[in-house]
Protein backbone atom coordinates (compact mmCIF):
# COMPACT_ATOMS: atom_id res chain seq x y z
CA UNK A 1 9.71 -16.37 1.65
CA UNK A 2 7.67 -15.54 4.67
CA UNK A 3 7.00 -11.92 6.04
CA UNK A 4 7.87 -11.82 9.60
CA UNK A 5 6.59 -8.24 10.16
CA UNK A 6 8.66 -5.14 10.86
CA UNK A 7 9.37 -5.87 14.72
CA UNK A 8 10.31 -9.44 14.06
CA UNK A 9 12.55 -8.40 11.35
CA UNK A 10 14.35 -6.02 13.47
CA UNK A 11 14.95 -8.49 16.19
CA UNK A 12 16.32 -11.14 13.95
CA UNK A 13 18.94 -8.61 12.95
CA UNK A 14 17.84 -7.19 9.61
CA UNK A 15 19.32 -3.72 8.64
CA UNK A 16 16.83 -0.97 7.64
CA UNK A 17 17.88 -1.40 3.86
CA UNK A 18 16.98 -5.14 3.98
CA UNK A 19 13.51 -4.52 6.14
CA UNK A 20 12.58 -1.84 3.56
CA UNK A 21 13.48 -4.74 0.36
CA UNK A 22 11.29 -7.44 2.31
CA UNK A 23 8.53 -4.92 2.82
CA UNK A 24 8.42 -3.59 -0.69
CA UNK A 25 8.03 -6.79 -2.12
CA UNK A 26 5.34 -8.24 0.14
CA UNK A 27 3.05 -5.09 0.71
CA UNK A 28 -0.37 -5.13 -1.05
CA UNK A 29 -3.63 -3.47 -1.54
CA UNK A 30 -6.36 -4.77 1.29
CA UNK A 31 -3.36 -5.51 3.86
CA UNK A 32 -3.47 -3.73 7.05
CA UNK A 33 -0.80 -1.98 8.76
CA UNK A 34 -0.56 -1.02 12.26
CA UNK A 35 1.48 1.70 14.31
CA UNK A 36 2.56 1.77 17.74
CA UNK A 37 -0.09 4.60 18.79
CA UNK A 38 -3.36 2.08 17.87
CA UNK A 39 -3.82 3.23 14.45
CA UNK A 40 -4.52 0.48 11.49
CA UNK A 41 -4.51 1.72 7.90
CA UNK A 42 -5.61 0.06 4.73
CA UNK A 43 -2.74 -0.18 2.21
CA UNK A 44 -3.98 0.75 -1.29
CA UNK A 45 -0.89 0.79 -3.24
CA UNK A 46 1.75 -1.96 -3.67
CA UNK A 47 4.80 0.33 -3.96
CA UNK A 48 6.00 2.78 -1.38
CA UNK A 49 6.47 6.55 -2.15
CA UNK A 50 9.36 8.43 -0.16
CA UNK A 51 9.45 5.23 2.01
CA UNK A 52 5.97 5.77 3.11
CA UNK A 53 3.03 3.18 2.49
CA UNK A 54 0.15 4.82 0.89
CA UNK A 55 -2.92 3.92 2.73
CA UNK A 56 -5.97 5.22 4.58
CA UNK A 57 -6.73 5.17 7.97
CA UNK A 58 -9.72 2.69 8.85
CA UNK A 59 -9.50 1.79 12.40
CA UNK A 60 -8.33 3.81 15.98
CA UNK A 61 -7.90 1.78 19.14
CA UNK A 62 -9.98 2.95 21.95
CA UNK A 63 -10.78 1.35 25.68
CA UNK A 64 -13.71 -0.53 24.00
CA UNK A 65 -11.67 -2.11 21.47
CA UNK A 66 -11.12 -0.93 17.52
CA UNK A 67 -13.27 1.67 16.36
CA UNK A 68 -13.86 2.28 12.86
CA UNK A 69 -13.87 5.52 11.21
CA UNK A 70 -15.13 7.17 7.95
CA UNK A 71 -12.81 9.02 5.65
CA UNK A 72 -13.91 12.61 7.17
CA UNK A 73 -13.32 11.30 10.39
CA UNK A 74 -10.31 9.64 9.57
CA UNK A 75 -8.75 13.03 8.04
CA UNK A 76 -10.00 15.09 10.80
CA UNK A 77 -8.42 12.51 13.62
CA UNK A 78 -4.96 12.53 12.11
CA UNK A 79 -5.18 16.40 11.38
CA UNK A 80 -5.66 17.18 15.02
CA UNK A 81 -3.46 14.30 16.59
CA UNK A 82 -1.24 12.90 14.08
CA UNK A 83 -0.88 15.20 11.18
CA UNK A 84 2.67 13.39 10.15
CA UNK A 85 0.70 10.55 8.37
CA UNK A 86 -1.40 13.00 6.37
CA UNK A 87 0.33 12.73 2.82
CA UNK A 88 0.20 14.47 -0.71
CA UNK A 89 1.34 11.81 -3.28
CA UNK A 90 2.90 13.35 -6.09
CA UNK A 91 2.75 10.69 -8.28
CA UNK A 92 -0.97 10.27 -8.12
CA UNK A 93 -1.86 14.10 -7.44
CA UNK A 94 -3.68 12.87 -4.68
CA UNK A 95 -3.94 13.60 -0.65
CA UNK A 96 -4.24 10.33 1.38
CA UNK A 97 -2.36 9.09 4.14
CA UNK A 98 1.39 7.75 4.31
CA UNK A 99 3.25 5.60 6.80
CA UNK A 100 6.80 5.48 7.07
CA UNK A 101 8.05 1.54 7.09
CA UNK A 102 10.06 2.26 10.21
CA UNK A 103 6.54 3.22 11.91
CA UNK A 104 5.00 -0.05 11.11
CA UNK A 105 4.57 -2.41 13.97
CA UNK A 106 2.55 -5.04 12.57
CA UNK A 107 1.77 -5.81 8.90
CA UNK A 108 -1.63 -7.64 8.86
CA UNK A 109 -1.83 -9.87 6.04
CA UNK A 110 -5.00 -11.54 4.37
CA UNK A 111 -3.68 -14.87 3.56
CA UNK A 112 -1.90 -15.50 6.81
CA UNK A 113 -5.21 -14.42 8.58
CA UNK A 114 -7.39 -16.78 6.78
CA UNK A 115 -4.57 -19.84 7.02
CA UNK A 116 -4.80 -19.01 10.87
CA UNK A 117 -8.46 -19.23 11.09
CA UNK A 118 -8.99 -22.38 9.02
CA UNK A 119 -6.52 -23.57 11.47
CA UNK A 120 -8.37 -22.41 14.96
CA UNK A 121 -10.69 -24.76 16.87
CA UNK A 122 -12.01 -21.54 18.88
CA UNK A 123 -14.25 -19.82 15.91
CA UNK A 124 -16.99 -17.12 16.82
CA UNK A 125 -19.96 -17.03 14.42
CA UNK A 126 -18.46 -15.14 11.90
CA UNK A 127 -15.20 -17.23 11.78
CA UNK A 128 -17.56 -20.24 11.75
CA UNK A 129 -19.27 -18.93 8.75
CA UNK A 130 -15.90 -18.07 6.87
CA UNK A 131 -14.74 -21.44 7.56
CA UNK A 132 -17.80 -22.79 6.09
CA UNK A 133 -17.62 -20.65 2.77
CA UNK A 134 -14.09 -21.57 2.18
CA UNK A 135 -14.69 -25.54 2.90
CA UNK A 136 -17.69 -25.27 0.49
CA UNK A 137 -15.68 -23.19 -2.25
CA UNK A 138 -12.54 -26.12 -1.90
CA UNK A 139 -15.10 -28.53 -2.41
CA UNK A 140 -15.98 -27.30 -5.50
CA UNK A 141 -12.44 -26.90 -6.89
CA UNK A 142 -11.47 -23.38 -5.64
CA UNK A 143 -7.76 -23.11 -4.34
CA UNK A 144 -8.31 -21.45 -1.18
CA UNK A 145 -4.56 -21.21 -0.72
CA UNK A 146 -5.05 -18.17 -3.05
CA UNK A 147 -7.86 -16.48 -0.89
CA UNK A 148 -7.18 -14.41 1.99
CA UNK A 149 -9.62 -12.46 4.52
CA UNK A 150 -9.68 -8.60 5.16
CA UNK A 151 -12.10 -5.86 6.76
CA UNK A 152 -12.62 -6.41 10.26
CA UNK A 153 -11.88 -9.94 10.54
CA UNK A 154 -8.14 -9.17 9.38
CA UNK A 155 -7.48 -7.47 12.84
CA UNK A 156 -10.31 -9.35 14.93
CA UNK A 157 -12.70 -6.44 15.20
CA UNK A 158 -15.40 -8.18 13.77
CA UNK A 159 -18.84 -8.18 15.38
CA UNK A 160 -21.91 -10.68 15.13
CA UNK A 161 -23.13 -8.71 12.31
CA UNK A 162 -20.08 -8.25 10.32
CA UNK A 163 -19.59 -9.24 6.55
CA UNK A 164 -17.04 -11.42 5.10
CA UNK A 165 -14.28 -9.69 2.94
CA UNK A 166 -12.54 -12.17 0.86
CA UNK A 167 -9.35 -11.44 -1.12
CA UNK A 168 -8.14 -13.56 -4.30
CA UNK A 169 -4.50 -13.15 -5.64
CA UNK A 170 -4.64 -15.33 -8.53
CA UNK A 171 -6.69 -14.31 -11.60
CA UNK A 172 -7.60 -17.75 -12.76
CA UNK A 173 -8.74 -18.54 -9.17
CA UNK A 174 -10.61 -15.52 -8.82
CA UNK A 175 -12.69 -16.04 -11.94
CA UNK A 176 -13.19 -19.68 -11.18
CA UNK A 177 -14.94 -18.23 -7.52
CA UNK A 178 -17.09 -16.29 -9.30
CA UNK A 179 -18.20 -18.77 -11.59
CA UNK A 180 -18.61 -21.12 -8.34
CA UNK A 181 -20.88 -18.49 -6.31
CA UNK A 182 -23.14 -18.30 -9.39
CA UNK A 183 -23.37 -21.80 -9.61
CA UNK A 184 -23.79 -22.74 -5.83
CA UNK A 185 -26.71 -19.87 -5.52
CA UNK A 186 -28.26 -21.74 -8.34
CA UNK A 187 -28.10 -24.95 -6.42
CA UNK A 188 -29.21 -23.26 -2.83
CA UNK A 189 -26.16 -23.59 -1.33
CA UNK A 190 -25.59 -19.82 -1.21
CA UNK A 191 -27.87 -17.41 -1.20
CA UNK A 192 -28.55 -14.52 -3.39
CA UNK A 193 -28.80 -10.86 -1.70
CA UNK A 194 -32.44 -9.46 -0.36
CA UNK A 195 -33.90 -6.07 -1.24
CA UNK A 196 -33.09 -5.09 2.35
CA UNK A 197 -29.20 -6.76 1.98
CA UNK A 198 -29.27 -4.36 -1.17
CA UNK A 199 -30.45 -1.33 0.16
CA UNK A 200 -27.85 -1.49 3.25
CA UNK A 201 -25.09 -2.38 0.83
CA UNK A 202 -26.21 0.77 -1.45
CA UNK A 203 -26.76 2.92 1.33
CA UNK A 204 -22.98 2.14 2.75
CA UNK A 205 -21.83 2.99 -0.86
CA UNK A 206 -23.49 6.56 -0.78
CA UNK A 207 -22.79 6.09 -4.87
CA UNK A 208 -24.25 8.24 -7.61
CA UNK A 209 -26.25 5.61 -9.21
CA UNK A 210 -29.97 5.00 -8.29
CA UNK A 211 -30.92 1.94 -6.51
CA UNK A 212 -31.99 0.03 -9.28
CA UNK A 213 -28.81 0.77 -11.67
CA UNK A 214 -26.53 0.11 -8.61
CA UNK A 215 -28.57 -3.49 -8.15
CA UNK A 216 -28.37 -4.22 -11.88
CA UNK A 217 -24.58 -3.79 -12.18
CA UNK A 218 -23.89 -5.61 -8.87
CA UNK A 219 -26.06 -8.82 -9.72
CA UNK A 220 -24.17 -9.86 -12.60
CA UNK A 221 -20.56 -9.21 -11.35
CA UNK A 222 -21.23 -12.55 -9.09
CA UNK A 223 -18.83 -11.61 -6.41
CA UNK A 224 -21.16 -11.13 -3.58
CA UNK A 225 -23.68 -13.61 -1.93
CA UNK A 226 -24.91 -14.50 1.73
CA UNK A 227 -23.95 -17.78 3.65
CA UNK A 228 -25.96 -18.73 6.55
CA UNK A 229 -27.53 -15.12 6.24
CA UNK A 230 -24.06 -13.45 6.21
CA UNK A 231 -23.41 -11.17 3.50
CA UNK A 232 -19.84 -11.88 1.88
CA UNK A 233 -17.91 -10.22 -1.12
CA UNK A 234 -15.19 -10.96 -3.12
CA UNK A 235 -12.25 -8.81 -4.29
CA UNK A 236 -9.23 -9.56 -6.77
CA UNK A 237 -5.74 -8.49 -6.13
CA UNK A 238 -3.01 -8.80 -8.58
CA UNK A 239 0.12 -9.24 -6.37
CA UNK A 240 2.13 -8.81 -9.61
CA UNK A 241 0.52 -5.65 -10.74
CA UNK A 242 2.72 -2.62 -9.34
CA UNK A 243 1.31 0.77 -8.39
CA UNK A 244 2.46 3.64 -10.99
CA UNK A 245 6.28 4.50 -10.70
CA UNK A 246 7.89 7.69 -9.98
CA UNK A 247 8.38 8.07 -13.68
CA UNK A 248 4.36 7.51 -14.17
CA UNK A 249 2.85 10.78 -12.88
CA UNK A 250 -0.18 12.18 -13.33
CA UNK A 251 -1.72 15.73 -13.29
CA UNK A 252 -5.54 16.46 -12.65
CA UNK A 253 -7.13 18.40 -15.31
CA UNK A 254 -10.69 18.70 -13.97
CA UNK A 255 -14.20 17.32 -14.03
CA UNK A 256 -15.25 15.46 -17.23
CA UNK A 257 -18.26 13.45 -18.31
CA UNK A 258 -18.62 11.60 -21.49
CA UNK A 259 -19.99 8.43 -23.05
CA UNK A 260 -17.70 5.59 -24.60
CA UNK A 261 -17.55 1.78 -25.65
CA UNK A 262 -15.45 -0.64 -23.68
CA UNK A 263 -12.95 -2.18 -26.07
CA UNK A 264 -10.96 -4.38 -23.06
CA UNK A 265 -12.44 -5.14 -19.94
CA UNK A 266 -9.42 -7.75 -18.97
CA UNK A 267 -8.66 -5.17 -15.51
CA UNK A 268 -12.50 -4.61 -14.96
CA UNK A 269 -11.86 -6.57 -11.65
CA UNK A 270 -8.06 -5.39 -10.66
CA UNK A 271 -7.44 -2.73 -8.23
CA UNK A 272 -7.50 -0.38 -9.39
CA UNK A 273 -9.96 -1.49 -12.02
CA UNK A 274 -9.19 -0.43 -15.51
CA UNK A 275 -11.26 -0.34 -18.71
CA UNK A 276 -9.79 0.53 -22.05
CA UNK A 277 -12.12 2.68 -24.33
CA UNK A 278 -12.40 3.84 -27.78
CA UNK A 279 -12.58 7.66 -27.34
CA UNK A 280 -10.07 9.71 -29.45
CA UNK A 281 -8.87 11.73 -26.58
CA UNK A 282 -9.68 9.60 -23.24
CA UNK A 283 -7.41 6.21 -23.36
CA UNK A 284 -8.92 4.42 -20.32
CA UNK A 285 -11.25 4.41 -17.26
CA UNK A 286 -9.84 3.81 -13.74
CA UNK A 287 -11.68 3.50 -10.71
CA UNK A 288 -10.20 3.15 -7.34
CA UNK A 289 -13.40 2.25 -5.66
CA UNK A 290 -14.90 -1.00 -5.15
CA UNK A 291 -18.30 0.16 -6.38
CA UNK A 292 -17.40 0.19 -9.65
CA UNK A 293 -15.03 -2.57 -10.04
CA UNK A 294 -16.29 -4.97 -12.59
CA UNK A 295 -19.20 -2.59 -13.83
CA UNK A 296 -18.63 -3.07 -17.59
CA UNK A 297 -18.11 -5.49 -20.16
CA UNK A 298 -16.22 -5.50 -23.67
CA UNK A 299 -18.36 -3.90 -26.11
CA UNK A 300 -20.82 -1.75 -23.85
CA UNK A 301 -21.40 1.59 -23.81
CA UNK A 302 -20.96 3.44 -20.75
CA UNK A 303 -21.57 7.02 -19.25
CA UNK A 304 -18.60 7.93 -16.80
CA UNK A 305 -18.59 10.84 -14.69
CA UNK A 306 -14.77 11.53 -13.04
CA UNK A 307 -11.57 13.16 -12.98
CA UNK A 308 -9.92 13.67 -16.11
CA UNK A 309 -5.67 13.26 -15.38
CA UNK A 310 -2.72 13.27 -17.76
CA UNK A 311 0.36 11.79 -17.53
CA UNK A 312 3.92 13.38 -18.68
CA UNK A 313 3.49 11.72 -22.09
CA UNK A 314 0.02 13.28 -22.72
CA UNK A 315 -1.92 10.28 -22.18
CA UNK A 316 -4.95 10.85 -20.65
CA UNK A 317 -7.69 8.76 -18.41
CA UNK A 318 -10.82 9.40 -16.54
CA UNK A 319 -10.41 8.46 -12.87
CA UNK A 320 -13.26 7.39 -10.76
CA UNK A 321 -12.41 7.47 -6.72
CA UNK A 322 -9.89 10.56 -6.61
CA UNK A 323 -11.67 10.77 -3.06
CA UNK A 324 -12.41 7.38 -1.21
CA UNK A 325 -16.21 8.30 -1.06
CA UNK A 326 -16.03 9.39 -5.11
CA UNK A 327 -18.99 11.80 -4.48
CA UNK A 328 -20.38 12.81 -8.36
CA UNK A 329 -18.25 9.93 -9.69
CA UNK A 330 -19.53 6.93 -11.34
CA UNK A 331 -19.76 4.76 -14.24
CA UNK A 332 -23.10 3.08 -15.55
CA UNK A 333 -23.76 1.20 -18.51
CA UNK A 334 -26.29 2.74 -20.98
CA UNK A 335 -26.31 0.11 -23.83
CA UNK A 336 -25.26 -3.61 -23.07
């Protein structure tokens, strides 16, 4: 069933309970939700808390158009102008942003936007590059129906130097797409990032790894490349993998650093990324920041620094990305 958007559902006569049901069914990380005040939030969880979508403010509408804001700016803006969107999640034991369902004017969905873009005859430069990229992937057997577009392109806030942020919603298609990116680079149909590109990416991430460590980990993920000199990356969202329920609550237990071996990497590219480890006390490593998605493989020994959390059953995990920037939080392979 297609998702019509909150306002359209209201005009079609749906009651509040029906709207809630449809919204819960369709909302997913990497979606954007827009409010009447001209605020666009990036969704970070596929389920609701207290009838609110869990998210982070990313864009604020101004007279010049959409203005992108970093986390510190977003928190300061909301504190001053829209404090009702600041939210503490008792399930995640974390401060983020929460938008009530009835405050959502537009639900921007990556797959819908990409489908519109591919059918459009009036494309700007970045849209044309996106079309060419998807066409190239489709020629090589990738099911582009399973792809979407997020980031600035999702709301039409792109500029000539914008990157392309692809999202894949099917695990097999995602792995196929990674393989094809690797193959197409070797064939010369896509290009690897240059050192300047990597340094720009590294600067944006502002992570705790050295530049050399960052590039080594990133290059083997096969989810970033260039087309016509424009950087693109690919992320994966498992739409069947829902956020923790209210019965799965976590409590922060302080900061921790340790070394352990990865025993299961099947969720390495999920959101959040998940790595099962062999430690006696820690069950798994979870990353909410894209920097450490796909960071390690089964059998590798890693050093991890992050926030120790414990659920109500006493199961412990280390979280990387307890804040959006994840300062001081990292994971790196020390023995492959």
